[in-house]
Amino acid sequence: MFFSFECTDRGCPKNDLLSGLTVALALVPEAVAFAFVAHVEPLVGLYAAFLVGLIAAVVGGRPGMISGATGALAVVMVALVNSHGVEYLFATVVLMGLIQIAVGLLKLGKFIRMVPHPVMLGFVNGLAIVIFLAQLKSFQVPDAAGIDRWMQGPELYTMLALVLLTMAIIHLLPKLTRALPASLAAILVVTALVIGLGLESRTVGDMASIAGGLPEFHLPAVPLSWETLGVIFPYAVVLAAIGLIESLLTLSLIDEITETRGQGNRECIGQGTANLVTGFFGGMGGCAMIGQSMININSGGRGRLSGISAALFLLIFILFAADLIEMIPLAALTGVMFMVVIGTFEWSSFRIMRKIPRADAFVIVLVSGVTVATDLAIAVVVGVIVSALVFAWEHAKHITVRSYEGRLGGKVYELHGPLFFASVNNFQELFDPKNDPDDVVVEFQHSRVMDHSAIEAIDTLAERYLNAGKRLHLRHLSDECRRLLRQAGDLVEVNVIEDPKYRVAVDQLG
């Protein structure tokens, strides 16, 4: 059977169903809002939330993770929609899915392991801030001219009271019972309170109608030409990258919270399949959603059933329960998201700032700021690059040398540390060809030749000794180093007599 109806470490059907219902309620306003951001109809966002959420939950590699239409993708889509129309968006989503499937089949999802922990902290904190800022729009209402203004007076006080009540229920209810997800209970209580007391409060229906039918198969109405490919390919690559980065980072975060292990490459295939299908059914595409995923995990959703039920509940809302869902106050959903922000933000990062290296602290702040100012993909790339540069700079200082006289005469330089692009300048300064004896040995037992820059540095060093009329020997190169020298082929031109094949002398004897 696909599902077990007994509670296990992988999930409990009751918890999965109830948390799926909670997530579905929170998905509605966000899907509509992201559709508006991308300048498409609300149903385009809702269909994406349903299809991406359903297929990714079934095919993906992370049970319990929620996928759907996201703001990170919507901000990229708006330029394409404004320039070429929504049909080009559907074609782009199809191509985006194919790219993501290819990434999974090539097993490139493992490269998410290259994201350092400070980047992860910055990503989580930045995303929490983005979610918080997005909720502030709930405190705005349109004036007579249709321009949004901030709430004032009783309208603001009512909104704040309902938001605080929602947060209080979510915080306190788990201390009394866990029979019902706290977020779902809060939404039901606040909705009943608003309706029962006749309070003036904006609802989901004030944003847009969510009523609709089943998504229908639709081939994107775009010319099949190289010109079309030239238009959609750059957008598809960017969207695929953003979607996978956000999905894989969310996967890693949930892995850490639940102390389980998701499958990155399978998740790439799942996300790609979801977007491929969504593009053919009039959806705007999507990826993993950290906010809804956190709601799901905090509500007890651990298995695939939670993601599947969230998508199916959303479809039920669209088909049969639009009128009821449109009655939910935005204040209740805003309160739920504020609790997600509190649970997502890594408050411990403030405590550890003075205990970790300054470079790591800088990366945390940098990634958080770039996430808020631009988008997740750029922030992660910037964080990884800065972390890599810091790593290279620190390890460039670690190459040292100990020199002594060899047993058969001559001079031995015993290297310690990696030889790569950042350390080659220090490497060159360690030697003195003019004053060294006629035979010089470079001992690599405690060092490694890492890249082409290192090969060029060896080449340059050998030429310096050759020009001084002296001979250079390389000893105890590791297998990896020798393979690197072999792969370099004619790129290595060290004019040393002993080794005509590589033109680098390699002494294996001690």
Protein backbone atom coordinates (compact mmCIF):
# COMPACT_ATOMS: atom_id res chain seq x y z
CA MET A 1 0.00 0.00 0.00
CA PHE A 2 1.14 3.54 -0.74
CA PHE A 3 0.17 4.81 2.71
CA SER A 4 0.08 3.17 6.09
CA PHE A 5 -2.79 4.22 8.31
CA GLU A 6 -0.74 3.74 11.46
CA CYS A 7 1.40 6.47 12.95
CA THR A 8 5.10 5.87 12.23
CA ASP A 9 8.28 7.91 12.25
CA ARG A 10 7.44 8.92 8.68
CA GLY A 11 4.07 10.40 9.50
CA CYS A 12 0.63 9.95 10.99
CA PRO A 13 -2.38 10.01 8.63
CA LYS A 14 -4.54 12.04 11.03
CA ASN A 15 -1.84 14.62 11.61
CA ASP A 16 -0.99 14.71 7.92
CA LEU A 17 -4.62 15.32 6.92
CA LEU A 18 -5.22 18.04 9.51
CA SER A 19 -1.92 19.78 8.82
CA GLY A 20 -2.67 19.52 5.09
CA LEU A 21 -5.97 21.32 5.67
CA THR A 22 -4.19 24.05 7.63
CA VAL A 23 -1.61 24.48 4.89
CA ALA A 24 -4.30 24.62 2.20
CA LEU A 25 -6.02 27.49 4.02
CA ALA A 26 -2.74 29.40 4.15
CA LEU A 27 -1.94 28.60 0.51
CA VAL A 28 -4.99 30.39 -0.87
CA PRO A 29 -4.10 34.05 -0.16
CA GLU A 30 -0.42 33.50 -0.95
CA ALA A 31 -1.13 31.86 -4.31
CA VAL A 32 -3.47 34.73 -5.20
CA ALA A 33 -0.94 37.32 -4.06
CA PHE A 34 1.89 35.74 -6.07
CA ALA A 35 -0.36 35.60 -9.13
CA PHE A 36 -0.90 39.34 -8.80
CA VAL A 37 2.87 39.84 -8.49
CA ALA A 38 3.41 37.94 -11.73
CA HIS A 39 0.58 39.87 -13.44
CA VAL A 40 -1.51 36.76 -14.15
CA GLU A 41 -5.04 35.70 -13.17
CA PRO A 42 -5.56 34.36 -9.61
CA LEU A 43 -6.51 30.91 -10.90
CA VAL A 44 -3.10 30.66 -12.64
CA GLY A 45 -1.48 30.89 -9.21
CA LEU A 46 -4.02 28.57 -7.56
CA TYR A 47 -3.64 25.91 -10.25
CA ALA A 48 0.13 26.10 -9.81
CA ALA A 49 -0.23 25.68 -6.04
CA PHE A 50 -2.45 22.62 -6.59
CA LEU A 51 -0.48 20.89 -9.35
CA VAL A 52 3.03 21.64 -8.11
CA GLY A 53 2.03 20.79 -4.55
CA LEU A 54 0.42 17.48 -5.54
CA ILE A 55 3.06 16.20 -7.95
CA ALA A 56 6.05 17.29 -5.87
CA ALA A 57 4.52 15.58 -2.83
CA VAL A 58 4.08 12.31 -4.75
CA VAL A 59 7.30 12.27 -6.80
CA GLY A 60 9.66 14.44 -4.73
CA GLY A 61 12.33 13.32 -2.31
CA ARG A 62 11.23 15.11 0.86
CA PRO A 63 8.04 13.92 2.58
CA GLY A 64 6.38 16.70 4.53
CA MET A 65 7.68 19.52 2.34
CA ILE A 66 5.07 21.80 0.74
CA SER A 67 5.49 23.18 -2.77
CA GLY A 68 3.48 25.71 -4.74
CA ALA A 69 3.58 29.12 -6.39
CA THR A 70 6.22 31.34 -4.74
CA GLY A 71 7.17 34.98 -4.67
CA ALA A 72 10.81 34.26 -5.55
CA LEU A 73 9.67 32.93 -8.94
CA ALA A 74 6.87 35.46 -9.42
CA VAL A 75 9.21 38.45 -9.36
CA VAL A 76 11.18 36.92 -12.26
CA MET A 77 8.05 35.98 -14.22
CA VAL A 78 6.56 39.47 -14.27
CA ALA A 79 9.07 40.79 -16.83
CA LEU A 80 8.34 37.89 -19.20
CA VAL A 81 4.56 38.26 -18.85
CA ASN A 82 4.70 42.02 -19.42
CA SER A 83 6.91 41.64 -22.48
CA HIS A 84 5.47 38.57 -24.19
CA GLY A 85 2.25 37.50 -22.46
CA VAL A 86 1.12 34.62 -20.28
CA GLU A 87 1.41 31.95 -23.01
CA TYR A 88 5.17 32.47 -23.10
CA LEU A 89 5.13 32.00 -19.32
CA PHE A 90 3.49 28.59 -19.69
CA ALA A 91 6.11 27.56 -22.27
CA THR A 92 8.87 28.78 -19.97
CA VAL A 93 7.49 26.74 -17.07
CA VAL A 94 7.55 23.61 -19.27
CA LEU A 95 11.19 24.23 -20.20
CA MET A 96 12.00 25.05 -16.58
CA GLY A 97 10.64 21.65 -15.59
CA LEU A 98 12.76 19.86 -18.20
CA ILE A 99 15.89 21.62 -16.93
CA GLN A 100 15.14 20.64 -13.34
CA ILE A 101 14.54 17.02 -14.34
CA ALA A 102 17.89 17.03 -16.15
CA VAL A 103 19.61 18.36 -13.02
CA GLY A 104 18.12 15.52 -11.01
CA LEU A 105 19.00 12.82 -13.54
CA LEU A 106 22.59 14.13 -13.66
CA LYS A 107 22.62 13.91 -9.85
CA LEU A 108 23.64 17.54 -9.41
CA GLY A 109 21.39 18.00 -6.40
CA LYS A 110 24.26 16.88 -4.17
CA PHE A 111 25.99 20.20 -4.76
CA ILE A 112 23.63 21.75 -2.22
CA ARG A 113 26.09 20.30 0.30
CA MET A 114 28.53 22.99 -0.82
CA VAL A 115 26.36 25.64 0.84
CA PRO A 116 28.16 26.54 4.11
CA HIS A 117 26.26 26.70 7.39
CA PRO A 118 26.58 30.51 7.71
CA VAL A 119 24.90 30.81 4.30
CA MET A 120 22.11 28.53 5.52
CA LEU A 121 21.63 30.71 8.61
CA GLY A 122 21.56 33.84 6.47
CA PHE A 123 19.10 32.22 4.08
CA VAL A 124 16.74 31.24 6.89
CA ASN A 125 16.93 34.64 8.60
CA GLY A 126 16.54 36.54 5.34
CA LEU A 127 13.58 34.44 4.30
CA ALA A 128 11.94 34.97 7.69
CA ILE A 129 12.30 38.73 7.21
CA VAL A 130 10.87 38.49 3.68
CA ILE A 131 7.85 36.53 4.97
CA PHE A 132 7.35 39.12 7.72
CA LEU A 133 7.51 42.05 5.30
CA ALA A 134 5.07 40.33 2.95
CA GLN A 135 2.50 40.11 5.77
CA LEU A 136 2.57 43.87 6.31
CA LYS A 137 0.47 44.25 3.17
CA SER A 138 -2.41 42.83 5.20
CA PHE A 139 -2.37 46.07 7.17
CA GLN A 140 -3.06 48.10 4.02
CA VAL A 141 -6.46 48.82 2.48
CA PRO A 142 -7.35 50.58 -0.78
CA ASP A 143 -8.74 54.11 -0.52
CA ALA A 144 -11.43 55.64 -2.71
CA ALA A 145 -8.91 56.09 -5.54
CA GLY A 146 -7.81 52.45 -5.31
CA ILE A 147 -4.43 53.34 -3.78
CA ASP A 148 -3.33 51.26 -0.79
CA ARG A 149 -3.05 53.09 2.52
CA TRP A 150 -2.13 51.92 6.01
CA MET A 151 -4.97 51.05 8.37
CA GLN A 152 -5.79 53.55 11.07
CA GLY A 153 -7.98 53.84 14.15
CA PRO A 154 -10.48 51.10 15.04
CA GLU A 155 -9.77 49.26 11.78
CA LEU A 156 -6.10 48.88 12.75
CA TYR A 157 -6.88 47.97 16.37
CA THR A 158 -9.30 45.24 15.27
CA MET A 159 -6.72 43.82 12.87
CA LEU A 160 -4.00 43.80 15.52
CA ALA A 161 -6.30 42.21 18.10
CA LEU A 162 -7.26 39.39 15.72
CA VAL A 163 -3.64 38.79 14.71
CA LEU A 164 -2.55 38.65 18.36
CA LEU A 165 -5.43 36.32 19.23
CA THR A 166 -4.39 33.99 16.41
CA MET A 167 -0.79 33.97 17.62
CA ALA A 168 -1.86 33.39 21.22
CA ILE A 169 -3.97 30.36 20.27
CA ILE A 170 -1.12 28.88 18.22
CA HIS A 171 1.28 29.39 21.13
CA LEU A 172 -0.94 28.17 23.96
CA LEU A 173 -3.10 25.40 22.47
CA PRO A 174 -0.26 22.81 22.12
CA LYS A 175 0.27 23.09 25.88
CA LEU A 176 -3.32 21.89 26.39
CA THR A 177 -3.85 19.42 23.55
CA ARG A 178 -2.32 18.29 20.27
CA ALA A 179 -5.46 16.63 18.97
CA LEU A 180 -5.97 19.51 16.51
CA PRO A 181 -3.22 21.53 14.79
CA ALA A 182 -2.97 24.85 16.60
CA SER A 183 -2.86 26.85 13.35
CA LEU A 184 -6.08 25.27 12.10
CA ALA A 185 -7.80 25.82 15.44
CA ALA A 186 -6.72 29.47 15.44
CA ILE A 187 -8.09 30.04 11.94
CA LEU A 188 -11.43 28.44 12.84
CA VAL A 189 -11.78 30.36 16.12
CA VAL A 190 -10.91 33.74 14.67
CA THR A 191 -13.16 33.20 11.63
CA ALA A 192 -16.07 32.23 13.88
CA LEU A 193 -15.43 35.22 16.11
CA VAL A 194 -15.41 37.68 13.20
CA ILE A 195 -18.60 36.22 11.72
CA GLY A 196 -20.38 35.83 15.06
CA LEU A 197 -19.64 39.34 16.28
CA GLY A 198 -19.98 40.95 12.86
CA LEU A 199 -16.51 42.52 13.07
CA GLU A 200 -15.22 44.58 10.19
CA SER A 201 -12.20 42.71 8.88
CA ARG A 202 -10.77 42.09 5.43
CA THR A 203 -11.21 38.54 4.20
CA VAL A 204 -9.71 36.30 1.54
CA GLY A 205 -12.65 37.17 -0.69
CA ASP A 206 -11.64 40.83 -0.62
CA MET A 207 -8.46 39.90 -2.50
CA ALA A 208 -10.10 37.97 -5.35
CA SER A 209 -12.56 35.19 -6.07
CA ILE A 210 -10.98 31.74 -5.90
CA ALA A 211 -13.89 29.89 -7.53
CA GLY A 212 -13.03 27.91 -10.65
CA GLY A 213 -13.12 24.53 -12.38
CA LEU A 214 -10.60 21.76 -12.90
CA PRO A 215 -7.40 22.80 -14.67
CA GLU A 216 -7.55 21.86 -18.34
CA PHE A 217 -4.78 20.59 -20.61
CA HIS A 218 -3.48 23.44 -22.72
CA LEU A 219 -0.54 23.58 -25.12
CA PRO A 220 1.19 26.95 -24.78
CA ALA A 221 0.14 29.08 -27.76
CA VAL A 222 3.62 30.13 -28.83
CA PRO A 223 5.45 29.67 -32.15
CA LEU A 224 7.70 26.60 -32.23
CA SER A 225 10.82 28.43 -33.37
CA TRP A 226 14.38 29.22 -32.36
CA GLU A 227 13.26 32.79 -31.71
CA THR A 228 10.77 31.56 -29.10
CA LEU A 229 13.46 29.40 -27.52
CA GLY A 230 15.75 32.43 -27.40
CA VAL A 231 13.07 34.32 -25.47
CA ILE A 232 12.11 31.67 -22.95
CA PHE A 233 15.43 29.87 -22.38
CA PRO A 234 17.13 32.56 -20.22
CA TYR A 235 14.02 32.88 -18.05
CA ALA A 236 13.70 29.08 -17.78
CA VAL A 237 17.31 28.73 -16.60
CA VAL A 238 16.91 31.45 -13.97
CA LEU A 239 13.58 30.09 -12.76
CA ALA A 240 14.93 26.53 -12.63
CA ALA A 241 17.95 27.66 -10.61
CA ILE A 242 15.90 29.72 -8.14
CA GLY A 243 13.35 26.94 -7.76
CA LEU A 244 15.93 24.25 -7.09
CA ILE A 245 18.00 26.38 -4.72
CA GLU A 246 14.95 27.30 -2.66
CA SER A 247 13.65 23.72 -2.73
CA LEU A 248 16.96 22.09 -1.77
CA LEU A 249 17.67 24.60 0.98
CA THR A 250 14.17 24.08 2.36
CA LEU A 251 14.80 20.32 2.17
CA SER A 252 18.02 20.73 4.15
CA LEU A 253 16.26 22.88 6.75
CA ILE A 254 13.47 20.31 7.23
CA ASP A 255 16.08 17.53 7.40
CA GLU A 256 17.71 19.38 10.28
CA ILE A 257 14.42 20.02 12.10
CA THR A 258 13.04 16.50 11.72
CA GLU A 259 16.41 14.74 12.02
CA THR A 260 15.67 12.78 8.85
CA ARG A 261 17.25 12.72 5.40
CA GLY A 262 15.55 13.78 2.17
CA GLN A 263 16.74 12.88 -1.34
CA GLY A 264 18.03 15.95 -3.17
CA ASN A 265 18.27 14.48 -6.65
CA ARG A 266 14.82 12.91 -6.41
CA GLU A 267 13.46 16.27 -5.25
CA CYS A 268 14.95 17.92 -8.36
CA ILE A 269 13.14 15.38 -10.53
CA GLY A 270 9.94 15.83 -8.54
CA GLN A 271 10.02 19.63 -8.81
CA GLY A 272 10.82 19.39 -12.52
CA THR A 273 8.00 16.95 -13.19
CA ALA A 274 5.59 19.19 -11.29
CA ASN A 275 6.56 22.26 -13.32
CA LEU A 276 6.52 20.34 -16.61
CA VAL A 277 2.93 19.24 -16.00
CA THR A 278 1.87 22.60 -14.58
CA GLY A 279 3.01 24.43 -17.72
CA PHE A 280 0.65 22.26 -19.78
CA PHE A 281 -2.29 22.97 -17.45
CA GLY A 282 -2.18 26.75 -17.24
CA GLY A 283 -0.18 27.15 -14.02
CA MET A 284 2.62 29.60 -13.26
CA GLY A 285 5.01 26.99 -11.88
CA GLY A 286 6.52 26.89 -8.43
CA CYS A 287 8.92 25.31 -5.96
CA ALA A 288 9.17 24.45 -2.27
CA MET A 289 7.64 26.99 0.11
CA ILE A 290 9.49 27.38 3.38
CA GLY A 291 6.63 29.18 5.14
CA GLN A 292 4.00 26.56 4.35
CA SER A 293 6.52 23.77 4.93
CA MET A 294 7.13 25.12 8.42
CA ILE A 295 3.37 25.33 9.07
CA ASN A 296 3.09 21.71 7.96
CA ILE A 297 5.97 20.45 10.10
CA ASN A 298 4.85 22.44 13.15
CA SER A 299 1.30 21.09 12.71
CA GLY A 300 2.53 17.49 12.74
CA GLY A 301 2.73 16.85 8.99
CA ARG A 302 5.60 14.48 8.29
CA GLY A 303 4.51 12.16 5.49
CA ARG A 304 3.70 12.55 1.80
CA LEU A 305 0.01 12.49 2.70
CA SER A 306 0.34 15.97 4.22
CA GLY A 307 1.49 17.51 0.94
CA ILE A 308 -0.99 15.51 -1.11
CA SER A 309 -3.90 16.41 1.17
CA ALA A 310 -2.92 20.10 1.15
CA ALA A 311 -3.09 20.11 -2.66
CA LEU A 312 -6.37 18.20 -2.77
CA PHE A 313 -7.98 20.41 -0.12
CA LEU A 314 -6.94 23.43 -2.19
CA LEU A 315 -8.63 21.93 -5.24
CA ILE A 316 -11.76 21.27 -3.17
CA PHE A 317 -11.75 24.92 -2.11
CA ILE A 318 -11.54 26.03 -5.73
CA LEU A 319 -14.31 23.69 -6.90
CA PHE A 320 -16.81 23.57 -4.04
CA ALA A 321 -15.93 25.73 -1.04
CA ALA A 322 -14.82 29.05 -2.51
CA ASP A 323 -17.57 30.97 -0.70
CA LEU A 324 -16.56 29.53 2.69
CA ILE A 325 -12.83 30.06 2.22
CA GLU A 326 -13.39 33.64 1.07
CA MET A 327 -14.94 34.33 4.50
CA ILE A 328 -11.65 33.66 6.36
CA PRO A 329 -10.21 36.91 7.79
CA LEU A 330 -6.77 37.86 6.51
CA ALA A 331 -5.90 38.62 10.13
CA ALA A 332 -6.04 34.91 10.98
CA LEU A 333 -3.73 33.95 8.12
CA THR A 334 -1.43 36.86 8.94
CA GLY A 335 -1.16 35.65 12.53
CA VAL A 336 -0.30 32.14 11.32
CA MET A 337 2.47 33.53 9.11
CA PHE A 338 3.84 35.71 11.93
CA MET A 339 4.22 32.57 14.03
CA VAL A 340 6.01 30.97 11.08
CA VAL A 341 8.40 33.93 11.04
CA ILE A 342 9.11 33.52 14.76
CA GLY A 343 9.71 29.79 14.32
CA THR A 344 11.81 30.17 11.17
CA PHE A 345 14.21 32.91 12.28
CA GLU A 346 17.37 31.52 13.83
CA TRP A 347 17.41 33.59 17.03
CA SER A 348 20.50 31.71 18.17
CA SER A 349 22.46 33.50 15.43
CA PHE A 350 22.47 36.62 17.64
CA ARG A 351 24.00 34.65 20.49
CA ILE A 352 26.75 33.06 18.41
CA MET A 353 27.81 36.18 16.51
CA ARG A 354 30.67 36.90 18.91
CA LYS A 355 31.71 33.27 19.17
CA ILE A 356 32.21 32.49 15.48
CA PRO A 357 34.83 33.87 13.06
CA ARG A 358 34.11 37.40 11.86
CA ALA A 359 33.96 36.20 8.26
CA ASP A 360 31.16 33.75 9.11
CA ALA A 361 29.24 36.44 10.99
CA PHE A 362 29.63 38.74 7.99
CA VAL A 363 28.31 36.04 5.64
CA ILE A 364 25.22 35.52 7.83
CA VAL A 365 24.39 39.22 7.75
CA LEU A 366 25.28 39.57 4.06
CA VAL A 367 23.09 36.67 2.90
CA SER A 368 20.20 37.87 5.06
CA GLY A 369 20.45 41.37 3.58
CA VAL A 370 20.79 40.21 -0.03
CA THR A 371 17.82 37.85 0.40
CA VAL A 372 15.67 40.77 1.51
CA ALA A 373 17.01 43.20 -1.09
CA THR A 374 17.03 40.88 -4.14
CA ASP A 375 16.09 37.22 -4.10
CA LEU A 376 17.13 33.91 -2.62
CA ALA A 377 19.17 32.61 -5.55
CA ILE A 378 21.39 35.70 -5.74
CA ALA A 379 21.81 35.68 -1.95
CA VAL A 380 22.93 32.05 -1.85
CA VAL A 381 25.33 32.48 -4.78
CA VAL A 382 26.82 35.59 -3.17
CA GLY A 383 27.15 33.79 0.16
CA VAL A 384 28.85 30.74 -1.36
CA ILE A 385 31.27 32.92 -3.36
CA VAL A 386 32.21 35.03 -0.34
CA SER A 387 32.63 31.92 1.81
CA ALA A 388 34.81 30.31 -0.87
CA LEU A 389 36.97 33.40 -1.16
CA VAL A 390 37.40 33.56 2.62
CA PHE A 391 38.30 29.85 2.67
CA ALA A 392 40.84 30.35 -0.13
CA TRP A 393 42.36 33.39 1.57
CA GLU A 394 42.73 31.61 4.90
CA HIS A 395 44.25 28.46 3.37
CA ALA A 396 46.59 30.50 1.19
CA LYS A 397 48.38 31.45 4.40
CA HIS A 398 48.86 27.82 5.40
CA ILE A 399 51.57 26.90 2.89
CA THR A 400 54.93 26.81 4.64
CA VAL A 401 58.32 25.20 4.05
CA ARG A 402 61.04 23.56 6.12
CA SER A 403 64.43 23.35 4.43
CA TYR A 404 67.34 21.05 5.26
CA GLU A 405 70.31 19.32 3.61
CA GLY A 406 69.52 16.04 1.83
CA ARG A 407 71.22 12.71 2.61
CA LEU A 408 72.97 12.71 -0.77
CA GLY A 409 73.70 16.40 -0.71
CA GLY A 410 71.75 19.24 -2.15
CA LYS A 411 68.89 21.02 -0.47
CA VAL A 412 65.41 19.74 0.40
CA TYR A 413 62.37 21.98 0.66
CA GLU A 414 59.64 20.20 2.64
CA LEU A 415 56.30 21.80 1.78
CA HIS A 416 53.34 21.90 4.14
CA GLY A 417 49.85 22.95 3.00
CA PRO A 418 47.85 23.00 -0.25
CA LEU A 419 49.23 24.50 -3.44
CA PHE A 420 46.43 26.17 -5.38
CA PHE A 421 45.56 29.47 -7.03
CA ALA A 422 45.49 31.50 -3.82
CA SER A 423 48.78 30.19 -2.43
CA VAL A 424 51.00 30.22 -5.54
CA ASN A 425 52.45 33.67 -4.80
CA ASN A 426 53.52 32.60 -1.32
CA PHE A 427 54.86 29.37 -2.85
CA GLN A 428 57.18 31.22 -5.22
CA GLU A 429 58.59 33.34 -2.38
CA LEU A 430 59.66 30.26 -0.41
CA PHE A 431 62.55 29.41 -2.79
CA ASP A 432 65.92 31.00 -3.54
CA PRO A 433 67.26 29.63 -6.88
CA LYS A 434 70.25 31.98 -7.03
CA ASN A 435 71.73 30.91 -3.70
CA ASP A 436 70.58 27.28 -3.62
CA PRO A 437 72.95 24.37 -4.46
CA ASP A 438 72.93 22.63 -7.85
CA ASP A 439 70.42 19.94 -6.79
CA VAL A 440 67.16 20.95 -5.12
CA VAL A 441 64.38 18.60 -4.00
CA VAL A 442 60.83 19.78 -3.35
CA GLU A 443 59.19 17.33 -0.93
CA PHE A 444 55.40 17.11 -1.45
CA GLN A 445 54.66 14.48 1.20
CA HIS A 446 52.73 17.03 3.28
CA SER A 447 51.37 19.10 0.40
CA ARG A 448 48.98 18.74 -2.54
CA VAL A 449 48.89 20.15 -6.05
CA MET A 450 45.27 21.26 -6.35
CA ASP A 451 44.70 23.01 -9.70
CA HIS A 452 46.14 24.38 -12.93
CA SER A 453 47.51 27.47 -11.16
CA ALA A 454 49.61 25.14 -9.01
CA ILE A 455 50.95 23.37 -12.13
CA GLU A 456 51.90 26.73 -13.63
CA ALA A 457 53.62 27.67 -10.38
CA ILE A 458 55.71 24.47 -10.52
CA ASP A 459 56.50 25.20 -14.15
CA THR A 460 57.64 28.72 -13.29
CA LEU A 461 59.74 27.51 -10.36
CA ALA A 462 61.47 24.87 -12.51
CA GLU A 463 62.29 27.46 -15.16
CA ARG A 464 63.84 29.68 -12.50
CA TYR A 465 66.14 26.85 -11.40
CA LEU A 466 66.87 25.88 -15.00
CA ASN A 467 67.85 29.44 -15.83
CA ALA A 468 70.15 29.38 -12.79
CA GLY A 469 71.81 26.21 -14.15
CA LYS A 470 70.40 23.97 -11.44
CA ARG A 471 68.21 20.85 -11.32
CA LEU A 472 64.79 20.57 -9.62
CA HIS A 473 63.31 17.29 -8.33
CA LEU A 474 59.70 16.76 -7.19
CA ARG A 475 59.32 14.01 -4.63
CA HIS A 476 56.39 12.15 -3.08
CA LEU A 477 53.69 13.65 -5.21
CA SER A 478 50.38 12.02 -4.33
CA ASP A 479 48.47 9.94 -6.87
CA GLU A 480 45.98 12.79 -7.23
CA CYS A 481 48.80 15.24 -7.95
CA ARG A 482 50.37 12.96 -10.54
CA ARG A 483 47.02 12.46 -12.27
CA LEU A 484 46.56 16.20 -12.39
CA LEU A 485 49.99 16.60 -13.97
CA ARG A 486 49.19 13.87 -16.52
CA GLN A 487 45.86 15.50 -17.40
CA ALA A 488 47.64 18.78 -17.95
CA GLY A 489 49.69 17.15 -20.74
CA ASP A 490 51.64 19.68 -22.79
CA LEU A 491 50.49 22.49 -20.53
CA VAL A 492 53.31 21.48 -18.19
CA GLU A 493 56.57 22.57 -19.75
CA VAL A 494 59.21 22.16 -17.10
CA ASN A 495 62.60 21.69 -18.73
CA VAL A 496 64.18 19.17 -16.39
CA ILE A 497 66.41 16.41 -17.76
CA GLU A 498 65.24 13.47 -15.63
CA ASP A 499 61.64 13.29 -16.84
CA PRO A 500 61.10 13.75 -20.59
CA LYS A 501 57.47 12.53 -20.48
CA TYR A 502 56.11 15.12 -18.10
CA ARG A 503 59.22 17.29 -18.15
CA VAL A 504 58.89 17.29 -14.37
CA ALA A 505 61.22 15.12 -12.33
CA VAL A 506 59.30 12.89 -9.91
CA ASP A 507 61.42 11.02 -7.37
CA GLN A 508 59.53 8.19 -5.65
CA LEU A 509 62.40 7.15 -3.34
CA GLY A 510 62.80 8.81 0.02
